[in-house]
């Protein structure tokens, strides 16, 4: 039987979603909890491999088991076992055998939060990128619209990216001011490694008026990572939603 999990987590203290030898990952934490409950080895398949420090409001994963379980009881058991780590299992449900958390995804949405204040965060530390200098949100949003559609995103691709092609289709991107925060929402079927963080890092060059929109366009069209801006820190990034 195949079960689907919907998971929320604060990624600050983890090495990321994917299991690694050096540090604890979200995948490892939940797999070990599942093993205790189901008394069998379980492999989780996640919808996206978030990096160290990246958060999730709606990570989706699936696993197969020979044990029939009560979804409500399994959710309660897992939430008890993963404590005190900042991970919550929001939903457990049985799904069809052809459901796949990763390959069945049609759209993924991330948000990126910038705290744009002259003073650093206290309550939101490790959950936003603190950018102390004023940013022009309208200019950033105007530049971002150049990215909509199917393009070569090499300018925003990490050197260690394992994707076969830099060609991606961006369905939606928007930046808006929300109080002291600037929030970027971005949607595509899939993303290159560090694509979202490299985009927002480059857009801050426009927002701080170090670059013009034309400078941004030239960097994008160059298809050269060296022409792009800095990689924004992980703590402002959230895996926000996924559509199947």
C-alpha atoms as a PDB file:
ATOM      1  CA  UNK A   1       0.000   0.000   0.000  1.00  0.00           C
ATOM      2  CA  UNK A   2       1.128   3.528  -0.752  1.00  0.00           C
ATOM      3  CA  UNK A   3       0.710   6.451   1.622  1.00  0.00           C
ATOM      4  CA  UNK A   4       1.170  10.170   1.119  1.00  0.00           C
ATOM      5  CA  UNK A   5       2.527  12.554   3.750  1.00  0.00           C
ATOM      6  CA  UNK A   6       2.217  16.341   3.821  1.00  0.00           C
ATOM      7  CA  UNK A   7       5.030  17.784   5.928  1.00  0.00           C
ATOM      8  CA  UNK A   8       5.928  21.157   7.421  1.00  0.00           C
ATOM      9  CA  UNK A   9       9.377  21.921   8.799  1.00  0.00           C
ATOM     10  CA  UNK A  10      11.861  24.549   9.862  1.00  0.00           C
ATOM     11  CA  UNK A  11      15.009  23.580   7.980  1.00  0.00           C
ATOM     12  CA  UNK A  12      17.471  25.582  10.095  1.00  0.00           C
ATOM     13  CA  UNK A  13      19.054  22.666  11.940  1.00  0.00           C
ATOM     14  CA  UNK A  14      18.893  20.100   9.119  1.00  0.00           C
ATOM     15  CA  UNK A  15      21.273  19.282   6.244  1.00  0.00           C
ATOM     16  CA  UNK A  16      18.258  19.473   3.928  1.00  0.00           C
ATOM     17  CA  UNK A  17      15.554  17.050   2.859  1.00  0.00           C
ATOM     18  CA  UNK A  18      17.749  14.304   1.437  1.00  0.00           C
ATOM     19  CA  UNK A  19      19.440  11.715   3.655  1.00  0.00           C
ATOM     20  CA  UNK A  20      23.178  12.324   4.131  1.00  0.00           C
ATOM     21  CA  UNK A  21      25.892  10.744   6.244  1.00  0.00           C
ATOM     22  CA  UNK A  22      27.219  13.895   7.876  1.00  0.00           C
ATOM     23  CA  UNK A  23      24.100  15.474   9.440  1.00  0.00           C
ATOM     24  CA  UNK A  24      20.466  14.745  10.157  1.00  0.00           C
ATOM     25  CA  UNK A  25      18.027  15.262   7.274  1.00  0.00           C
ATOM     26  CA  UNK A  26      14.246  15.506   7.309  1.00  0.00           C
ATOM     27  CA  UNK A  27      14.025  12.349   5.207  1.00  0.00           C
ATOM     28  CA  UNK A  28      16.126  10.372   7.684  1.00  0.00           C
ATOM     29  CA  UNK A  29      14.195  11.656  10.685  1.00  0.00           C
ATOM     30  CA  UNK A  30      10.825  10.584   9.283  1.00  0.00           C
ATOM     31  CA  UNK A  31      12.085   7.293   7.854  1.00  0.00           C
ATOM     32  CA  UNK A  32      13.420   6.307  11.286  1.00  0.00           C
ATOM     33  CA  UNK A  33      10.097   7.221  12.883  1.00  0.00           C
ATOM     34  CA  UNK A  34       8.212   5.164  10.283  1.00  0.00           C
ATOM     35  CA  UNK A  35      10.477   2.196  10.962  1.00  0.00           C
ATOM     36  CA  UNK A  36       9.608   2.322  14.656  1.00  0.00           C
ATOM     37  CA  UNK A  37       5.861   2.434  13.974  1.00  0.00           C
ATOM     38  CA  UNK A  38       5.650   0.010  11.038  1.00  0.00           C
ATOM     39  CA  UNK A  39       8.539  -2.265  12.071  1.00  0.00           C
ATOM     40  CA  UNK A  40       9.930  -2.398   8.542  1.00  0.00           C
ATOM     41  CA  UNK A  41      12.487  -0.502   6.487  1.00  0.00           C
ATOM     42  CA  UNK A  42      10.815   2.453   4.762  1.00  0.00           C
ATOM     43  CA  UNK A  43      12.064   4.688   1.946  1.00  0.00           C
ATOM     44  CA  UNK A  44      10.483   8.126   1.569  1.00  0.00           C
ATOM     45  CA  UNK A  45      10.220   9.777  -1.835  1.00  0.00           C
ATOM     46  CA  UNK A  46       9.919  13.561  -1.538  1.00  0.00           C
ATOM     47  CA  UNK A  47       8.469  16.015  -4.025  1.00  0.00           C
ATOM     48  CA  UNK A  48      11.526  18.285  -3.821  1.00  0.00           C
ATOM     49  CA  UNK A  49      15.003  18.196  -2.312  1.00  0.00           C
ATOM     50  CA  UNK A  50      15.194  21.327  -0.205  1.00  0.00           C
ATOM     51  CA  UNK A  51      18.704  22.444   0.777  1.00  0.00           C
ATOM     52  CA  UNK A  52      20.111  22.947   4.264  1.00  0.00           C
ATOM     53  CA  UNK A  53      18.326  25.810   6.012  1.00  0.00           C
ATOM     54  CA  UNK A  54      15.350  25.865   3.621  1.00  0.00           C
ATOM     55  CA  UNK A  55      11.870  25.527   5.126  1.00  0.00           C
ATOM     56  CA  UNK A  56       8.679  23.864   3.930  1.00  0.00           C
ATOM     57  CA  UNK A  57       5.011  24.538   4.498  1.00  0.00           C
ATOM     58  CA  UNK A  58       3.818  21.789   2.167  1.00  0.00           C
ATOM     59  CA  UNK A  59       6.473  19.193   1.410  1.00  0.00           C
ATOM     60  CA  UNK A  60       4.863  16.049   0.005  1.00  0.00           C
ATOM     61  CA  UNK A  61       6.333  12.557   0.236  1.00  0.00           C
ATOM     62  CA  UNK A  62       5.145   9.018  -0.309  1.00  0.00           C
ATOM     63  CA  UNK A  63       6.190   5.566   0.864  1.00  0.00           C
ATOM     64  CA  UNK A  64       5.144   1.958   0.357  1.00  0.00           C
ATOM     65  CA  UNK A  65       4.437  -0.484   3.158  1.00  0.00           C
ATOM     66  CA  UNK A  66       3.097  -3.996   3.618  1.00  0.00           C
ATOM     67  CA  UNK A  67       1.375  -2.859   6.822  1.00  0.00           C
ATOM     68  CA  UNK A  68      -2.159  -1.499   6.747  1.00  0.00           C
ATOM     69  CA  UNK A  69      -2.343   1.556   8.977  1.00  0.00           C
ATOM     70  CA  UNK A  70      -4.843   4.010  10.331  1.00  0.00           C
ATOM     71  CA  UNK A  71      -3.803   7.376   8.778  1.00  0.00           C
ATOM     72  CA  UNK A  72      -4.889   9.386  11.815  1.00  0.00           C
ATOM     73  CA  UNK A  73      -3.006   7.149  14.260  1.00  0.00           C
ATOM     74  CA  UNK A  74       0.075   7.134  12.057  1.00  0.00           C
ATOM     75  CA  UNK A  75       0.099  10.927  11.894  1.00  0.00           C
ATOM     76  CA  UNK A  76      -0.172  11.167  15.687  1.00  0.00           C
ATOM     77  CA  UNK A  77       2.573   8.588  16.215  1.00  0.00           C
ATOM     78  CA  UNK A  78       4.966  10.256  13.779  1.00  0.00           C
ATOM     79  CA  UNK A  79       4.429  13.698  15.289  1.00  0.00           C
ATOM     80  CA  UNK A  80       5.220  12.291  18.733  1.00  0.00           C
ATOM     81  CA  UNK A  81       8.368  10.525  17.514  1.00  0.00           C
ATOM     82  CA  UNK A  82       9.924  13.417  15.572  1.00  0.00           C
ATOM     83  CA  UNK A  83       9.765  15.764  18.557  1.00  0.00           C
ATOM     84  CA  UNK A  84      11.563  17.916  19.641  1.00  0.00           C
ATOM     85  CA  UNK A  85      12.664  18.571  16.057  1.00  0.00           C
ATOM     86  CA  UNK A  86      10.665  21.340  14.308  1.00  0.00           C
ATOM     87  CA  UNK A  87       8.872  18.958  11.922  1.00  0.00           C
ATOM     88  CA  UNK A  88       5.118  18.379  11.679  1.00  0.00           C
ATOM     89  CA  UNK A  89       3.233  15.731   9.733  1.00  0.00           C
ATOM     90  CA  UNK A  90       0.124  17.623   8.618  1.00  0.00           C
ATOM     91  CA  UNK A  91      -1.586  14.809   6.718  1.00  0.00           C
ATOM     92  CA  UNK A  92      -1.357  11.076   6.131  1.00  0.00           C
ATOM     93  CA  UNK A  93      -3.564   9.464   3.501  1.00  0.00           C
ATOM     94  CA  UNK A  94      -3.609   6.308   1.438  1.00  0.00           C
ATOM     95  CA  UNK A  95      -3.146   6.923  -2.288  1.00  0.00           C
ATOM     96  CA  UNK A  96      -3.193   4.856  -5.451  1.00  0.00           C
ATOM     97  CA  UNK A  97      -0.122   2.870  -6.456  1.00  0.00           C
ATOM     98  CA  UNK A  98       0.534   5.178  -9.398  1.00  0.00           C
ATOM     99  CA  UNK A  99       0.863   8.302  -7.218  1.00  0.00           C
ATOM    100  CA  UNK A 100       4.428   9.627  -7.117  1.00  0.00           C
ATOM    101  CA  UNK A 101       5.332  12.618  -4.939  1.00  0.00           C
ATOM    102  CA  UNK A 102       8.121  13.776  -7.254  1.00  0.00           C
ATOM    103  CA  UNK A 103       7.307  12.672 -10.794  1.00  0.00           C
ATOM    104  CA  UNK A 104       3.570  13.310 -10.496  1.00  0.00           C
ATOM    105  CA  UNK A 105       3.990  16.987  -9.626  1.00  0.00           C
ATOM    106  CA  UNK A 106       2.624  19.467 -12.185  1.00  0.00           C
ATOM    107  CA  UNK A 107       3.567  22.723 -10.440  1.00  0.00           C
ATOM    108  CA  UNK A 108       5.745  23.670  -7.502  1.00  0.00           C
ATOM    109  CA  UNK A 109       5.539  27.025  -5.733  1.00  0.00           C
ATOM    110  CA  UNK A 110       8.204  28.572  -3.550  1.00  0.00           C
ATOM    111  CA  UNK A 111       8.119  31.826  -1.625  1.00  0.00           C
ATOM    112  CA  UNK A 112      11.104  33.880  -0.557  1.00  0.00           C
ATOM    113  CA  UNK A 113      10.897  36.328   2.348  1.00  0.00           C
ATOM    114  CA  UNK A 114      13.138  39.389   2.676  1.00  0.00           C
ATOM    115  CA  UNK A 115      12.918  41.473   5.843  1.00  0.00           C
ATOM    116  CA  UNK A 116      13.746  44.973   4.583  1.00  0.00           C
ATOM    117  CA  UNK A 117      14.392  46.936   7.788  1.00  0.00           C
ATOM    118  CA  UNK A 118      17.400  48.858   9.187  1.00  0.00           C
ATOM    119  CA  UNK A 119      17.434  46.592  12.271  1.00  0.00           C
ATOM    120  CA  UNK A 120      17.954  42.803  12.376  1.00  0.00           C
ATOM    121  CA  UNK A 121      15.190  40.278  13.150  1.00  0.00           C
ATOM    122  CA  UNK A 122      14.803  38.615  16.518  1.00  0.00           C
ATOM    123  CA  UNK A 123      11.609  36.531  16.348  1.00  0.00           C
ATOM    124  CA  UNK A 124      12.087  35.854  12.624  1.00  0.00           C
ATOM    125  CA  UNK A 125      15.796  35.010  12.820  1.00  0.00           C
ATOM    126  CA  UNK A 126      16.662  32.109  10.455  1.00  0.00           C
ATOM    127  CA  UNK A 127      13.275  32.488   8.761  1.00  0.00           C
ATOM    128  CA  UNK A 128      13.898  35.570   6.600  1.00  0.00           C
ATOM    129  CA  UNK A 129      16.779  37.180   4.735  1.00  0.00           C
ATOM    130  CA  UNK A 130      17.507  40.422   6.526  1.00  0.00           C
ATOM    131  CA  UNK A 131      18.412  43.061   3.929  1.00  0.00           C
ATOM    132  CA  UNK A 132      18.999  46.355   5.678  1.00  0.00           C
ATOM    133  CA  UNK A 133      19.255  48.705   2.672  1.00  0.00           C
ATOM    134  CA  UNK A 134      16.043  50.005   1.017  1.00  0.00           C
ATOM    135  CA  UNK A 135      14.774  48.012  -1.964  1.00  0.00           C
ATOM    136  CA  UNK A 136      12.535  49.191  -4.795  1.00  0.00           C
ATOM    137  CA  UNK A 137       9.941  46.408  -5.011  1.00  0.00           C
ATOM    138  CA  UNK A 138       8.336  47.760  -8.175  1.00  0.00           C
ATOM    139  CA  UNK A 139      11.643  47.688 -10.072  1.00  0.00           C
ATOM    140  CA  UNK A 140      12.369  44.170  -8.802  1.00  0.00           C
ATOM    141  CA  UNK A 141       8.940  42.958  -9.900  1.00  0.00           C
ATOM    142  CA  UNK A 142       9.282  44.565 -13.329  1.00  0.00           C
ATOM    143  CA  UNK A 143      12.640  42.873 -13.876  1.00  0.00           C
ATOM    144  CA  UNK A 144      11.264  39.551 -12.669  1.00  0.00           C
ATOM    145  CA  UNK A 145       8.575  39.505 -15.373  1.00  0.00           C
ATOM    146  CA  UNK A 146      11.334  39.037 -17.966  1.00  0.00           C
ATOM    147  CA  UNK A 147      11.750  35.503 -16.612  1.00  0.00           C
ATOM    148  CA  UNK A 148       8.224  34.308 -17.402  1.00  0.00           C
ATOM    149  CA  UNK A 149       8.075  31.549 -20.008  1.00  0.00           C
ATOM    150  CA  UNK A 150      10.498  28.953 -21.361  1.00  0.00           C
ATOM    151  CA  UNK A 151      14.138  30.046 -21.176  1.00  0.00           C
ATOM    152  CA  UNK A 152      17.701  28.961 -20.616  1.00  0.00           C
ATOM    153  CA  UNK A 153      18.203  29.732 -16.909  1.00  0.00           C
ATOM    154  CA  UNK A 154      21.966  29.083 -16.830  1.00  0.00           C
ATOM    155  CA  UNK A 155      22.528  32.533 -15.274  1.00  0.00           C
ATOM    156  CA  UNK A 156      20.695  31.296 -12.171  1.00  0.00           C
ATOM    157  CA  UNK A 157      21.962  27.719 -12.155  1.00  0.00           C
ATOM    158  CA  UNK A 158      24.332  26.456  -9.452  1.00  0.00           C
ATOM    159  CA  UNK A 159      27.585  24.903 -10.694  1.00  0.00           C
ATOM    160  CA  UNK A 160      26.761  21.623  -8.895  1.00  0.00           C
ATOM    161  CA  UNK A 161      23.297  21.381 -10.501  1.00  0.00           C
ATOM    162  CA  UNK A 162      22.619  17.857 -11.780  1.00  0.00           C
ATOM    163  CA  UNK A 163      19.724  18.727 -14.113  1.00  0.00           C
ATOM    164  CA  UNK A 164      20.216  17.483 -17.682  1.00  0.00           C
ATOM    165  CA  UNK A 165      19.206  20.832 -19.177  1.00  0.00           C
ATOM    166  CA  UNK A 166      19.137  24.484 -18.043  1.00  0.00           C
ATOM    167  CA  UNK A 167      15.891  24.990 -19.968  1.00  0.00           C
ATOM    168  CA  UNK A 168      12.944  25.558 -17.619  1.00  0.00           C
ATOM    169  CA  UNK A 169       9.495  27.100 -17.954  1.00  0.00           C
ATOM    170  CA  UNK A 170       8.577  29.682 -15.337  1.00  0.00           C
ATOM    171  CA  UNK A 171       4.793  29.966 -14.962  1.00  0.00           C
ATOM    172  CA  UNK A 172       4.526  32.790 -12.448  1.00  0.00           C
ATOM    173  CA  UNK A 173       6.680  35.208 -10.479  1.00  0.00           C
ATOM    174  CA  UNK A 174       5.642  38.179  -8.377  1.00  0.00           C
ATOM    175  CA  UNK A 175       7.190  40.364  -5.694  1.00  0.00           C
ATOM    176  CA  UNK A 176       5.099  42.395  -3.315  1.00  0.00           C
ATOM    177  CA  UNK A 177       5.559  44.450  -0.186  1.00  0.00           C
ATOM    178  CA  UNK A 178       3.912  42.992   2.918  1.00  0.00           C
ATOM    179  CA  UNK A 179       4.586  45.335   5.824  1.00  0.00           C
ATOM    180  CA  UNK A 180       8.334  45.275   6.438  1.00  0.00           C
ATOM    181  CA  UNK A 181       8.746  42.241   4.212  1.00  0.00           C
ATOM    182  CA  UNK A 182       9.210  41.746   0.495  1.00  0.00           C
ATOM    183  CA  UNK A 183       7.783  38.389  -0.566  1.00  0.00           C
ATOM    184  CA  UNK A 184       8.579  36.718  -3.853  1.00  0.00           C
ATOM    185  CA  UNK A 185       6.225  33.979  -5.086  1.00  0.00           C
ATOM    186  CA  UNK A 186       7.488  31.795  -7.916  1.00  0.00           C
ATOM    187  CA  UNK A 187       5.871  28.815  -9.675  1.00  0.00           C
ATOM    188  CA  UNK A 188       7.181  26.253 -12.191  1.00  0.00           C
ATOM    189  CA  UNK A 189       6.957  22.529 -12.790  1.00  0.00           C
ATOM    190  CA  UNK A 190      10.546  22.163 -11.611  1.00  0.00           C
ATOM    191  CA  UNK A 191      13.578  24.280 -10.769  1.00  0.00           C
ATOM    192  CA  UNK A 192      17.327  24.136 -11.198  1.00  0.00           C
ATOM    193  CA  UNK A 193      19.557  23.867  -8.139  1.00  0.00           C
ATOM    194  CA  UNK A 194      19.645  27.266  -6.372  1.00  0.00           C
ATOM    195  CA  UNK A 195      17.567  28.806  -9.185  1.00  0.00           C
ATOM    196  CA  UNK A 196      15.149  30.603  -6.859  1.00  0.00           C
ATOM    197  CA  UNK A 197      17.887  31.860  -4.518  1.00  0.00           C
ATOM    198  CA  UNK A 198      20.004  33.076  -7.427  1.00  0.00           C
ATOM    199  CA  UNK A 199      17.035  34.883  -8.970  1.00  0.00           C
ATOM    200  CA  UNK A 200      16.142  36.760  -5.775  1.00  0.00           C
ATOM    201  CA  UNK A 201      19.803  37.527  -5.080  1.00  0.00           C
ATOM    202  CA  UNK A 202      20.157  39.058  -8.540  1.00  0.00           C
ATOM    203  CA  UNK A 203      16.896  40.973  -8.209  1.00  0.00           C
ATOM    204  CA  UNK A 204      18.221  42.718  -5.091  1.00  0.00           C
ATOM    205  CA  UNK A 205      20.854  44.332  -7.316  1.00  0.00           C
ATOM    206  CA  UNK A 206      17.977  45.891  -9.247  1.00  0.00           C
ATOM    207  CA  UNK A 207      16.039  46.791  -6.090  1.00  0.00           C
ATOM    208  CA  UNK A 208      19.047  48.511  -4.544  1.00  0.00           C
ATOM    209  CA  UNK A 209      19.560  50.393  -7.840  1.00  0.00           C
ATOM    210  CA  UNK A 210      23.026  48.955  -8.360  1.00  0.00           C
ATOM    211  CA  UNK A 211      21.658  47.513 -11.596  1.00  0.00           C
ATOM    212  CA  UNK A 212      19.093  48.749 -14.109  1.00  0.00           C
ATOM    213  CA  UNK A 213      16.437  46.432 -15.488  1.00  0.00           C
ATOM    214  CA  UNK A 214      18.448  46.391 -18.700  1.00  0.00           C
ATOM    215  CA  UNK A 215      21.500  45.173 -16.738  1.00  0.00           C
ATOM    216  CA  UNK A 216      19.343  42.359 -15.358  1.00  0.00           C
ATOM    217  CA  UNK A 217      18.136  41.467 -18.853  1.00  0.00           C
ATOM    218  CA  UNK A 218      21.691  41.356 -20.223  1.00  0.00           C
ATOM    219  CA  UNK A 219      22.828  39.090 -17.383  1.00  0.00           C
ATOM    220  CA  UNK A 220      19.869  36.762 -17.937  1.00  0.00           C
ATOM    221  CA  UNK A 221      20.420  36.586 -21.694  1.00  0.00           C
ATOM    222  CA  UNK A 222      24.122  35.869 -21.248  1.00  0.00           C
ATOM    223  CA  UNK A 223      23.276  32.391 -19.874  1.00  0.00           C
ATOM    224  CA  UNK A 224      26.375  32.688 -17.696  1.00  0.00           C
ATOM    225  CA  UNK A 225      26.221  32.187 -13.925  1.00  0.00           C
ATOM    226  CA  UNK A 226      29.203  34.509 -13.479  1.00  0.00           C
ATOM    227  CA  UNK A 227      27.132  37.351 -14.947  1.00  0.00           C
ATOM    228  CA  UNK A 228      24.390  36.934 -12.328  1.00  0.00           C
ATOM    229  CA  UNK A 229      24.077  38.271  -8.815  1.00  0.00           C
ATOM    230  CA  UNK A 230      24.715  36.640  -5.442  1.00  0.00           C
ATOM    231  CA  UNK A 231      22.995  33.543  -4.117  1.00  0.00           C
ATOM    232  CA  UNK A 232      20.460  34.595  -1.487  1.00  0.00           C
ATOM    233  CA  UNK A 233      20.733  32.761   1.860  1.00  0.00           C
ATOM    234  CA  UNK A 234      18.683  29.630   2.470  1.00  0.00           C
ATOM    235  CA  UNK A 235      16.746  30.915   5.481  1.00  0.00           C
ATOM    236  CA  UNK A 236      14.343  33.069   3.442  1.00  0.00           C
ATOM    237  CA  UNK A 237      13.209  30.223   1.176  1.00  0.00           C
ATOM    238  CA  UNK A 238      10.054  28.142   1.708  1.00  0.00           C
ATOM    239  CA  UNK A 239       8.626  25.235  -0.271  1.00  0.00           C
ATOM    240  CA  UNK A 240       5.099  26.646  -0.298  1.00  0.00           C
ATOM    241  CA  UNK A 241       2.794  24.486  -2.408  1.00  0.00           C
ATOM    242  CA  UNK A 242       2.636  21.660  -4.918  1.00  0.00           C
ATOM    243  CA  UNK A 243      -0.038  20.722  -7.445  1.00  0.00           C
ATOM    244  CA  UNK A 244      -0.694  17.240  -8.850  1.00  0.00           C
END
